Amino acid sequence: MNVETLPPDVRIVERMLREGFGAGDTAVVDQLCDPQLVEHQLGVSGTGAPAIVKVKEAIEQVHRGMPDLVFTVADWSQHGETVWLRAEAVGTNTGPFLGPPTGRAVRFSVIDVARVVGGRIVEHWGIPDRFALLLQLGRLDEMLPRPNSLSSAAPAATH
């Protein structure tokens, strides 16, 4: 999808993903978010200056862990001041992220809902597919039962 043809408010949300989380530019937060931002995303929720700080820290963490991360807008919609955007992200885990670097390629979806007023994000809900990330990074491997442990853990059938 050609981002140049996106409506201005949709483009603002796309820029947060591309320039912020993709390129690691935390200055974009000050450019695109209202100083009284209300952030609802798990792990970065808050209001005002504390929310701004958390969003910038999240950008740094994501970029450090996946510096080649690229976001592509897949779908979007806008109704009044509310923008819905679904993006696909592709990258490689070469730095610490949810654990040590794995070198694994990742592909996951992100759904963002944002209220944009006067060219700034005033409220945001972000839903990255964390389960897909955890699975692809191998973070769930230790939680899954091993084939040998299944047979030894199951009680013997008696008839």
N, C-alpha and C. Protein backbone atom coordinates (compact mmCIF):
# COMPACT_ATOMS: atom_id res chain seq x y z
N MET A 1 0.85 -1.17 0.00
CA MET A 1 0.00 0.00 0.00
C MET A 1 0.90 1.24 0.00
N ASN A 2 0.61 2.17 -0.86
CA ASN A 2 1.38 3.40 -0.96
C ASN A 2 1.00 4.34 0.18
N VAL A 3 1.94 4.57 1.10
CA VAL A 3 1.64 5.40 2.27
C VAL A 3 1.39 6.85 1.89
N GLU A 4 1.88 7.27 0.75
CA GLU A 4 1.67 8.66 0.31
C GLU A 4 0.20 8.94 0.04
N THR A 5 -0.58 7.91 -0.25
CA THR A 5 -2.00 8.11 -0.57
C THR A 5 -2.91 7.96 0.65
N LEU A 6 -2.33 7.66 1.81
CA LEU A 6 -3.13 7.52 3.02
C LEU A 6 -3.64 8.89 3.47
N PRO A 7 -4.84 8.92 4.07
CA PRO A 7 -5.32 10.18 4.65
C PRO A 7 -4.35 10.66 5.74
N PRO A 8 -4.30 11.96 5.99
CA PRO A 8 -3.32 12.52 6.94
C PRO A 8 -3.32 11.85 8.32
N ASP A 9 -4.48 11.60 8.90
CA ASP A 9 -4.52 11.01 10.24
C ASP A 9 -4.05 9.56 10.24
N VAL A 10 -4.34 8.83 9.19
CA VAL A 10 -3.87 7.45 9.07
C VAL A 10 -2.35 7.46 8.91
N ARG A 11 -1.86 8.40 8.15
CA ARG A 11 -0.41 8.55 7.92
C ARG A 11 0.32 8.80 9.23
N ILE A 12 -0.30 9.53 10.15
CA ILE A 12 0.32 9.79 11.46
C ILE A 12 0.55 8.49 12.21
N VAL A 13 -0.45 7.62 12.22
CA VAL A 13 -0.32 6.33 12.92
C VAL A 13 0.73 5.47 12.21
N GLU A 14 0.72 5.49 10.89
CA GLU A 14 1.70 4.72 10.11
C GLU A 14 3.12 5.21 10.41
N ARG A 15 3.30 6.52 10.53
CA ARG A 15 4.62 7.08 10.83
C ARG A 15 5.13 6.63 12.20
N MET A 16 4.22 6.53 13.18
CA MET A 16 4.64 6.05 14.51
C MET A 16 5.25 4.66 14.39
N LEU A 17 4.62 3.80 13.58
CA LEU A 17 5.15 2.45 13.40
C LEU A 17 6.46 2.48 12.63
N ARG A 18 6.45 3.13 11.47
CA ARG A 18 7.61 3.09 10.56
C ARG A 18 8.80 3.85 11.13
N GLU A 19 8.60 5.11 11.50
CA GLU A 19 9.72 5.94 11.97
C GLU A 19 10.08 5.64 13.42
N GLY A 20 9.06 5.36 14.24
CA GLY A 20 9.31 5.06 15.64
C GLY A 20 9.81 3.64 15.83
N PHE A 21 8.91 2.70 15.77
CA PHE A 21 9.25 1.31 16.08
C PHE A 21 10.14 0.66 15.02
N GLY A 22 9.98 1.06 13.77
CA GLY A 22 10.81 0.48 12.72
C GLY A 22 12.20 1.08 12.68
N ALA A 23 12.30 2.40 12.68
CA ALA A 23 13.60 3.08 12.55
C ALA A 23 14.22 3.43 13.89
N GLY A 24 13.46 3.32 14.97
CA GLY A 24 14.01 3.60 16.30
C GLY A 24 14.10 5.08 16.64
N ASP A 25 13.37 5.92 15.94
CA ASP A 25 13.41 7.37 16.16
C ASP A 25 12.41 7.77 17.24
N THR A 26 12.89 7.98 18.46
CA THR A 26 11.99 8.34 19.55
C THR A 26 11.49 9.78 19.44
N ALA A 27 12.17 10.63 18.67
CA ALA A 27 11.72 12.02 18.49
C ALA A 27 10.36 12.09 17.81
N VAL A 28 10.00 11.06 17.07
CA VAL A 28 8.71 11.06 16.38
C VAL A 28 7.56 11.07 17.38
N VAL A 29 7.78 10.57 18.58
CA VAL A 29 6.74 10.57 19.62
C VAL A 29 6.37 12.01 19.96
N ASP A 30 7.37 12.86 20.14
CA ASP A 30 7.10 14.27 20.45
C ASP A 30 6.43 14.99 19.28
N GLN A 31 6.75 14.57 18.06
CA GLN A 31 6.17 15.19 16.87
C GLN A 31 4.71 14.79 16.67
N LEU A 32 4.39 13.52 16.97
CA LEU A 32 3.09 12.99 16.58
C LEU A 32 2.11 12.76 17.72
N CYS A 33 2.58 12.77 18.95
CA CYS A 33 1.69 12.51 20.09
C CYS A 33 1.44 13.78 20.89
N ASP A 34 0.22 13.93 21.33
CA ASP A 34 -0.14 15.04 22.20
C ASP A 34 0.58 14.87 23.54
N PRO A 35 1.06 15.94 24.16
CA PRO A 35 1.73 15.82 25.46
C PRO A 35 0.85 15.17 26.53
N GLN A 36 -0.46 15.23 26.37
CA GLN A 36 -1.38 14.59 27.33
C GLN A 36 -1.90 13.25 26.80
N LEU A 37 -1.09 12.59 25.99
CA LEU A 37 -1.45 11.29 25.42
C LEU A 37 -2.04 10.36 26.47
N VAL A 38 -3.13 9.69 26.11
CA VAL A 38 -3.70 8.62 26.93
C VAL A 38 -3.37 7.32 26.21
N GLU A 39 -2.48 6.53 26.81
CA GLU A 39 -1.99 5.30 26.20
C GLU A 39 -2.59 4.11 26.93
N HIS A 40 -3.19 3.18 26.16
CA HIS A 40 -3.85 2.01 26.74
C HIS A 40 -3.10 0.71 26.50
N GLN A 41 -2.04 0.72 25.70
CA GLN A 41 -1.36 -0.52 25.33
C GLN A 41 -0.71 -1.17 26.54
N LEU A 42 -0.86 -2.48 26.62
CA LEU A 42 -0.27 -3.26 27.71
C LEU A 42 1.23 -2.99 27.80
N GLY A 43 1.70 -2.66 28.98
CA GLY A 43 3.12 -2.43 29.20
C GLY A 43 3.55 -0.99 29.05
N VAL A 44 2.74 -0.17 28.39
CA VAL A 44 3.11 1.24 28.21
C VAL A 44 1.96 2.17 28.58
N SER A 45 0.96 1.63 29.24
CA SER A 45 -0.23 2.43 29.55
C SER A 45 0.11 3.56 30.52
N GLY A 46 -0.62 4.66 30.35
CA GLY A 46 -0.43 5.81 31.21
C GLY A 46 -0.99 7.04 30.53
N THR A 47 -0.77 8.18 31.17
CA THR A 47 -1.28 9.46 30.66
C THR A 47 -0.19 10.51 30.77
N GLY A 48 -0.13 11.37 29.77
CA GLY A 48 0.79 12.50 29.81
C GLY A 48 2.24 12.09 29.71
N ALA A 49 3.09 12.84 30.43
CA ALA A 49 4.54 12.64 30.36
C ALA A 49 4.97 11.19 30.66
N PRO A 50 4.40 10.53 31.69
CA PRO A 50 4.81 9.14 31.93
C PRO A 50 4.50 8.22 30.74
N ALA A 51 3.37 8.45 30.07
CA ALA A 51 3.03 7.64 28.89
C ALA A 51 4.01 7.90 27.76
N ILE A 52 4.35 9.15 27.55
CA ILE A 52 5.31 9.52 26.49
C ILE A 52 6.64 8.81 26.74
N VAL A 53 7.12 8.84 27.98
CA VAL A 53 8.38 8.17 28.33
C VAL A 53 8.29 6.68 28.05
N LYS A 54 7.18 6.04 28.43
CA LYS A 54 7.02 4.60 28.22
C LYS A 54 6.99 4.25 26.73
N VAL A 55 6.34 5.06 25.93
CA VAL A 55 6.30 4.80 24.48
C VAL A 55 7.70 4.90 23.90
N LYS A 56 8.46 5.91 24.31
CA LYS A 56 9.83 6.05 23.83
C LYS A 56 10.69 4.87 24.26
N GLU A 57 10.53 4.40 25.49
CA GLU A 57 11.27 3.23 25.96
C GLU A 57 10.90 1.99 25.16
N ALA A 58 9.61 1.85 24.84
CA ALA A 58 9.16 0.70 24.04
C ALA A 58 9.79 0.75 22.65
N ILE A 59 9.84 1.93 22.05
CA ILE A 59 10.48 2.07 20.73
C ILE A 59 11.94 1.64 20.82
N GLU A 60 12.65 2.09 21.84
CA GLU A 60 14.06 1.71 22.01
C GLU A 60 14.22 0.21 22.18
N GLN A 61 13.35 -0.41 22.99
CA GLN A 61 13.43 -1.86 23.22
C GLN A 61 13.17 -2.65 21.95
N VAL A 62 12.12 -2.28 21.24
CA VAL A 62 11.77 -3.00 20.01
C VAL A 62 12.88 -2.82 18.98
N HIS A 63 13.36 -1.59 18.81
CA HIS A 63 14.39 -1.34 17.80
C HIS A 63 15.72 -2.03 18.16
N ARG A 64 16.06 -2.06 19.44
CA ARG A 64 17.28 -2.74 19.87
C ARG A 64 17.18 -4.25 19.59
N GLY A 65 16.01 -4.81 19.79
CA GLY A 65 15.83 -6.24 19.59
C GLY A 65 15.66 -6.66 18.14
N MET A 66 15.08 -5.76 17.32
CA MET A 66 14.82 -6.07 15.91
C MET A 66 15.09 -4.83 15.07
N PRO A 67 16.37 -4.47 14.88
CA PRO A 67 16.71 -3.21 14.22
C PRO A 67 16.33 -3.15 12.74
N ASP A 68 16.03 -4.28 12.14
CA ASP A 68 15.64 -4.28 10.72
C ASP A 68 14.12 -4.38 10.55
N LEU A 69 13.37 -4.15 11.61
CA LEU A 69 11.91 -4.30 11.58
C LEU A 69 11.28 -3.34 10.57
N VAL A 70 10.42 -3.88 9.72
CA VAL A 70 9.73 -3.09 8.69
C VAL A 70 8.23 -3.32 8.85
N PHE A 71 7.47 -2.24 8.84
CA PHE A 71 6.01 -2.30 8.94
C PHE A 71 5.39 -1.97 7.59
N THR A 72 4.40 -2.75 7.23
CA THR A 72 3.65 -2.50 6.01
C THR A 72 2.18 -2.41 6.36
N VAL A 73 1.53 -1.31 5.98
CA VAL A 73 0.10 -1.16 6.24
C VAL A 73 -0.67 -2.16 5.38
N ALA A 74 -1.49 -2.96 6.04
CA ALA A 74 -2.30 -3.95 5.33
C ALA A 74 -3.74 -3.46 5.14
N ASP A 75 -4.29 -2.84 6.17
CA ASP A 75 -5.67 -2.34 6.14
C ASP A 75 -5.76 -1.11 7.03
N TRP A 76 -6.73 -0.29 6.77
CA TRP A 76 -6.99 0.85 7.63
C TRP A 76 -8.42 1.31 7.44
N SER A 77 -8.89 2.04 8.42
CA SER A 77 -10.20 2.66 8.34
C SER A 77 -10.17 3.90 9.23
N GLN A 78 -11.01 4.85 8.91
CA GLN A 78 -11.10 6.05 9.73
C GLN A 78 -12.56 6.47 9.82
N HIS A 79 -12.98 6.81 11.03
CA HIS A 79 -14.32 7.34 11.26
C HIS A 79 -14.14 8.53 12.21
N GLY A 80 -14.37 9.71 11.70
CA GLY A 80 -14.17 10.90 12.52
C GLY A 80 -12.72 11.01 12.92
N GLU A 81 -12.47 11.14 14.23
CA GLU A 81 -11.10 11.30 14.70
C GLU A 81 -10.44 9.97 15.08
N THR A 82 -11.14 8.85 14.83
CA THR A 82 -10.59 7.53 15.19
C THR A 82 -10.06 6.81 13.95
N VAL A 83 -8.81 6.35 14.07
CA VAL A 83 -8.13 5.61 13.01
C VAL A 83 -7.91 4.18 13.49
N TRP A 84 -8.22 3.23 12.62
CA TRP A 84 -7.89 1.82 12.84
C TRP A 84 -6.88 1.44 11.78
N LEU A 85 -5.78 0.81 12.18
CA LEU A 85 -4.75 0.44 11.22
C LEU A 85 -4.24 -0.94 11.57
N ARG A 86 -4.14 -1.80 10.56
CA ARG A 86 -3.53 -3.13 10.74
C ARG A 86 -2.27 -3.16 9.88
N ALA A 87 -1.16 -3.48 10.52
CA ALA A 87 0.12 -3.55 9.81
C ALA A 87 0.74 -4.92 10.01
N GLU A 88 1.54 -5.31 9.04
CA GLU A 88 2.34 -6.53 9.13
C GLU A 88 3.78 -6.11 9.37
N ALA A 89 4.42 -6.74 10.34
CA ALA A 89 5.81 -6.42 10.67
C ALA A 89 6.69 -7.62 10.36
N VAL A 90 7.87 -7.34 9.80
CA VAL A 90 8.84 -8.38 9.47
C VAL A 90 10.20 -7.89 9.94
N GLY A 91 10.94 -8.77 10.61
CA GLY A 91 12.27 -8.39 11.07
C GLY A 91 13.04 -9.59 11.57
N THR A 92 14.21 -9.32 12.15
CA THR A 92 15.09 -10.36 12.67
C THR A 92 15.49 -9.99 14.09
N ASN A 93 15.39 -10.93 15.00
CA ASN A 93 15.73 -10.71 16.40
C ASN A 93 17.24 -10.85 16.59
N THR A 94 17.95 -9.73 16.47
CA THR A 94 19.41 -9.75 16.61
C THR A 94 19.88 -9.12 17.92
N GLY A 95 18.96 -8.58 18.70
CA GLY A 95 19.30 -7.99 19.99
C GLY A 95 18.34 -8.49 21.05
N PRO A 96 18.57 -8.14 22.31
CA PRO A 96 17.69 -8.61 23.38
C PRO A 96 16.26 -8.10 23.20
N PHE A 97 15.31 -9.02 23.26
CA PHE A 97 13.89 -8.68 23.19
C PHE A 97 13.10 -9.84 23.75
N LEU A 98 12.44 -9.63 24.85
CA LEU A 98 11.71 -10.69 25.55
C LEU A 98 12.65 -11.86 25.87
N GLY A 99 13.92 -11.54 26.06
CA GLY A 99 14.95 -12.54 26.31
C GLY A 99 16.16 -12.25 25.45
N PRO A 100 17.13 -13.15 25.44
CA PRO A 100 18.34 -12.93 24.65
C PRO A 100 18.07 -13.02 23.14
N PRO A 101 18.96 -12.46 22.32
CA PRO A 101 18.77 -12.52 20.86
C PRO A 101 18.75 -13.97 20.38
N THR A 102 17.92 -14.21 19.38
CA THR A 102 17.80 -15.57 18.83
C THR A 102 18.32 -15.68 17.40
N GLY A 103 18.41 -14.56 16.71
CA GLY A 103 18.78 -14.59 15.29
C GLY A 103 17.62 -15.03 14.41
N ARG A 104 16.46 -15.25 14.99
CA ARG A 104 15.31 -15.74 14.23
C ARG A 104 14.56 -14.62 13.53
N ALA A 105 14.03 -14.94 12.37
CA ALA A 105 13.15 -14.03 11.64
C ALA A 105 11.77 -14.07 12.29
N VAL A 106 11.11 -12.92 12.31
CA VAL A 106 9.75 -12.84 12.86
C VAL A 106 8.84 -12.13 11.88
N ARG A 107 7.59 -12.49 11.95
CA ARG A 107 6.53 -11.85 11.17
C ARG A 107 5.30 -11.84 12.06
N PHE A 108 4.75 -10.63 12.29
CA PHE A 108 3.59 -10.55 13.18
C PHE A 108 2.72 -9.37 12.77
N SER A 109 1.49 -9.39 13.25
CA SER A 109 0.54 -8.32 12.96
C SER A 109 0.47 -7.35 14.14
N VAL A 110 0.15 -6.12 13.82
CA VAL A 110 -0.09 -5.09 14.83
C VAL A 110 -1.39 -4.40 14.45
N ILE A 111 -2.26 -4.23 15.43
CA ILE A 111 -3.49 -3.46 15.21
C ILE A 111 -3.41 -2.24 16.13
N ASP A 112 -3.53 -1.08 15.53
CA ASP A 112 -3.52 0.16 16.29
C ASP A 112 -4.84 0.88 16.10
N VAL A 113 -5.37 1.37 17.20
CA VAL A 113 -6.54 2.24 17.18
C VAL A 113 -6.09 3.53 17.85
N ALA A 114 -6.29 4.64 17.17
CA ALA A 114 -5.83 5.91 17.71
C ALA A 114 -6.85 7.00 17.45
N ARG A 115 -7.00 7.86 18.43
CA ARG A 115 -7.75 9.10 18.22
C ARG A 115 -6.74 10.16 17.84
N VAL A 116 -6.96 10.78 16.69
CA VAL A 116 -6.04 11.80 16.19
C VAL A 116 -6.82 13.11 16.13
N VAL A 117 -6.33 14.11 16.85
CA VAL A 117 -6.98 15.41 16.91
C VAL A 117 -5.93 16.49 16.62
N GLY A 118 -6.22 17.32 15.65
CA GLY A 118 -5.29 18.40 15.32
C GLY A 118 -3.93 17.89 14.87
N GLY A 119 -3.90 16.74 14.22
CA GLY A 119 -2.64 16.20 13.72
C GLY A 119 -1.79 15.49 14.75
N ARG A 120 -2.36 15.21 15.94
CA ARG A 120 -1.61 14.52 16.99
C ARG A 120 -2.42 13.38 17.58
N ILE A 121 -1.73 12.32 17.94
CA ILE A 121 -2.38 11.18 18.59
C ILE A 121 -2.67 11.59 20.03
N VAL A 122 -3.96 11.57 20.41
CA VAL A 122 -4.34 11.96 21.77
C VAL A 122 -4.69 10.74 22.63
N GLU A 123 -5.01 9.63 21.95
CA GLU A 123 -5.35 8.40 22.67
C GLU A 123 -5.00 7.23 21.76
N HIS A 124 -4.48 6.15 22.37
CA HIS A 124 -3.99 5.04 21.56
C HIS A 124 -4.20 3.70 22.25
N TRP A 125 -4.61 2.72 21.46
CA TRP A 125 -4.68 1.32 21.87
C TRP A 125 -3.84 0.54 20.87
N GLY A 126 -2.80 -0.14 21.31
CA GLY A 126 -1.95 -0.93 20.42
C GLY A 126 -2.05 -2.40 20.78
N ILE A 127 -2.22 -3.22 19.75
CA ILE A 127 -2.34 -4.65 19.98
C ILE A 127 -1.39 -5.40 19.05
N PRO A 128 -0.10 -5.51 19.45
CA PRO A 128 0.82 -6.34 18.67
C PRO A 128 0.52 -7.81 18.98
N ASP A 129 0.72 -8.68 18.02
CA ASP A 129 0.48 -10.11 18.22
C ASP A 129 1.65 -10.69 19.02
N ARG A 130 1.61 -10.49 20.32
CA ARG A 130 2.68 -10.95 21.19
C ARG A 130 2.82 -12.47 21.18
N PHE A 131 1.71 -13.18 21.05
CA PHE A 131 1.79 -14.64 21.03
C PHE A 131 2.61 -15.11 19.82
N ALA A 132 2.36 -14.51 18.65
CA ALA A 132 3.15 -14.88 17.46
C ALA A 132 4.63 -14.59 17.69
N LEU A 133 4.92 -13.44 18.30
CA LEU A 133 6.32 -13.11 18.59
C LEU A 133 6.96 -14.13 19.54
N LEU A 134 6.28 -14.42 20.64
CA LEU A 134 6.81 -15.38 21.60
C LEU A 134 7.05 -16.74 20.96
N LEU A 135 6.11 -17.18 20.14
CA LEU A 135 6.22 -18.47 19.47
C LEU A 135 7.40 -18.48 18.50
N GLN A 136 7.49 -17.46 17.66
CA GLN A 136 8.55 -17.42 16.65
C GLN A 136 9.94 -17.24 17.25
N LEU A 137 10.01 -16.57 18.39
CA LEU A 137 11.30 -16.38 19.05
C LEU A 137 11.71 -17.60 19.89
N GLY A 138 10.82 -18.58 20.01
CA GLY A 138 11.12 -19.77 20.78
C GLY A 138 10.96 -19.59 22.27
N ARG A 139 10.33 -18.49 22.67
CA ARG A 139 10.17 -18.21 24.10
C ARG A 139 9.17 -19.14 24.77
N LEU A 140 8.34 -19.79 23.98
CA LEU A 140 7.34 -20.70 24.54
C LEU A 140 7.84 -22.14 24.61
N ASP A 141 9.01 -22.41 24.02
CA ASP A 141 9.52 -23.78 23.96
C ASP A 141 9.60 -24.43 25.33
N GLU A 142 10.10 -23.68 26.33
CA GLU A 142 10.24 -24.28 27.65
C GLU A 142 8.89 -24.51 28.33
N MET A 143 7.84 -23.89 27.81
CA MET A 143 6.52 -24.08 28.39
C MET A 143 5.78 -25.27 27.78
N LEU A 144 6.21 -25.66 26.59
CA LEU A 144 5.54 -26.76 25.91
C LEU A 144 6.06 -28.09 26.43
N PRO A 145 5.21 -29.07 26.58
CA PRO A 145 5.69 -30.38 27.05
C PRO A 145 6.58 -31.05 26.01
N ARG A 146 7.59 -31.72 26.46
CA ARG A 146 8.49 -32.47 25.58
C ARG A 146 7.83 -33.80 25.25
N PRO A 147 8.08 -34.34 24.05
CA PRO A 147 7.46 -35.62 23.68
C PRO A 147 7.73 -36.73 24.70
N ASN A 148 8.95 -36.83 25.24
CA ASN A 148 9.26 -37.87 26.22
C ASN A 148 8.53 -37.62 27.54
N SER A 149 8.35 -36.36 27.90
CA SER A 149 7.71 -36.07 29.18
C SER A 149 6.21 -36.35 29.12
N LEU A 150 5.63 -36.35 27.92
CA LEU A 150 4.21 -36.65 27.81
C LEU A 150 3.93 -38.09 28.20
N SER A 151 4.73 -39.02 27.69
CA SER A 151 4.47 -40.43 27.98
C SER A 151 4.82 -40.77 29.43
N SER A 152 5.84 -40.13 29.99
CA SER A 152 6.19 -40.45 31.37
C SER A 152 5.27 -39.77 32.38
N ALA A 153 4.68 -38.65 31.97
CA ALA A 153 3.83 -37.93 32.91
C ALA A 153 2.41 -38.50 32.95
N ALA A 154 2.02 -39.17 31.89
CA ALA A 154 0.66 -39.70 31.84
C ALA A 154 0.57 -40.98 32.67
N PRO A 155 -0.50 -41.11 33.46
CA PRO A 155 -0.63 -42.35 34.24
C PRO A 155 -0.94 -43.52 33.31
N ALA A 156 -0.48 -44.68 33.69
CA ALA A 156 -0.71 -45.88 32.89
C ALA A 156 -2.20 -46.21 32.91
N ALA A 157 -2.70 -46.59 31.76
CA ALA A 157 -4.11 -46.95 31.65
C ALA A 157 -4.33 -48.32 32.26
N THR A 158 -5.37 -48.46 33.03
CA THR A 158 -5.71 -49.76 33.61
C THR A 158 -7.09 -50.17 33.15
N HIS A 159 -7.24 -51.42 32.88
CA HIS A 159 -8.54 -51.93 32.42
C HIS A 159 -9.04 -53.01 33.32
